[in-house]
Protein backbone atom coordinates (compact mmCIF):
# COMPACT_ATOMS: atom_id res chain seq x y z
CA MET A 1 113.48 101.01 88.77
CA THR A 2 117.17 101.77 89.12
CA THR A 3 119.97 99.95 87.28
CA PHE A 4 123.69 100.69 86.99
CA HIS A 5 123.09 102.77 83.88
CA GLU A 6 119.60 104.24 84.06
CA VAL A 7 116.44 104.93 86.02
CA PHE A 8 113.04 104.26 84.50
CA SER A 9 109.41 103.64 85.41
CA PRO A 10 107.89 100.52 83.84
CA TYR A 11 104.16 100.16 83.34
CA LEU A 12 104.14 96.83 85.14
CA THR A 13 103.16 95.77 88.62
CA THR A 14 105.90 94.64 90.99
CA THR A 15 104.57 91.09 90.61
CA GLU A 16 104.96 91.28 86.82
CA VAL A 17 108.45 92.73 87.14
CA LEU A 18 109.48 90.06 89.65
CA LYS A 19 108.37 87.30 87.25
CA GLN A 20 110.84 88.62 84.66
CA LEU A 21 113.82 88.70 87.05
CA ASP A 22 116.07 85.86 88.17
CA THR A 23 115.95 84.31 91.64
CA SER A 24 118.52 86.70 93.11
CA PHE A 25 115.79 89.37 93.22
CA ILE A 26 113.49 89.44 96.24
CA GLN A 27 110.38 91.52 96.87
CA ILE A 28 110.71 93.03 100.35
CA HIS A 29 107.82 95.50 100.27
CA ARG A 30 104.91 96.20 97.96
CA SER A 31 107.06 98.95 96.43
CA TYR A 32 110.55 97.41 96.62
CA ILE A 33 112.31 94.58 94.83
CA ILE A 34 116.00 94.20 95.67
CA ASN A 35 118.92 92.24 94.28
CA SER A 36 120.01 89.95 97.12
CA ARG A 37 123.64 90.18 95.96
CA TYR A 38 123.75 93.76 97.27
CA VAL A 39 122.37 93.07 100.75
CA ILE A 40 124.76 94.16 103.49
CA ASN A 41 122.61 93.54 106.56
CA LEU A 42 119.23 92.07 107.46
CA GLY A 43 117.47 93.66 110.43
CA ASN A 44 114.15 92.83 112.04
CA ASN A 45 112.15 95.27 109.93
CA ASN A 46 114.64 96.51 107.36
CA VAL A 47 117.30 95.52 104.85
CA THR A 48 120.51 97.43 104.26
CA VAL A 49 121.76 97.38 100.67
CA THR A 50 124.41 99.14 98.66
CA ASP A 51 123.63 100.78 95.33
CA SER A 52 125.68 101.13 92.14
CA HIS A 53 127.48 104.13 93.66
CA GLU A 54 128.29 102.11 96.79
CA GLU A 55 125.97 104.24 98.90
CA ILE A 56 124.27 102.48 101.79
CA ILE A 57 120.46 102.43 101.72
CA ASN A 58 118.09 101.17 104.43
CA LEU A 59 114.78 99.86 103.11
CA PRO A 60 111.78 98.71 105.12
CA ILE A 61 110.52 95.14 104.92
CA GLY A 62 106.75 95.03 104.56
CA ARG A 63 104.90 93.03 107.20
CA THR A 64 103.53 90.56 104.65
CA PHE A 65 107.04 89.93 103.26
CA GLN A 66 109.04 89.63 106.50
CA GLN A 67 109.00 85.86 106.89
CA SER A 68 109.73 85.05 103.24
CA VAL A 69 112.49 87.69 102.98
CA LYS A 70 114.26 86.37 106.06
CA GLN A 71 114.03 82.78 104.81
CA LYS A 72 115.36 83.65 101.36
CA LEU A 73 118.23 85.80 102.64
CA ARG A 74 119.32 83.26 105.25
CA ARG A 75 119.67 80.64 102.52
CA LEU A 76 122.32 82.74 100.75
């Protein structure tokens, strides 16, 4: 898990972590939860986000999450 100030590894599943976050966070892959406020672009199979250092990162969207991710991001 990466924040503006630190990087750490919680002993929680992504589902448990997601339950503790607000609605701006979206699970896009079994290993990735992103803050939708930092999404730059939504592709067919990937999401482009910026990090706290304003670096651009491309992340894959898992097959099981594709439909829900696209619906949630289009609402924003």
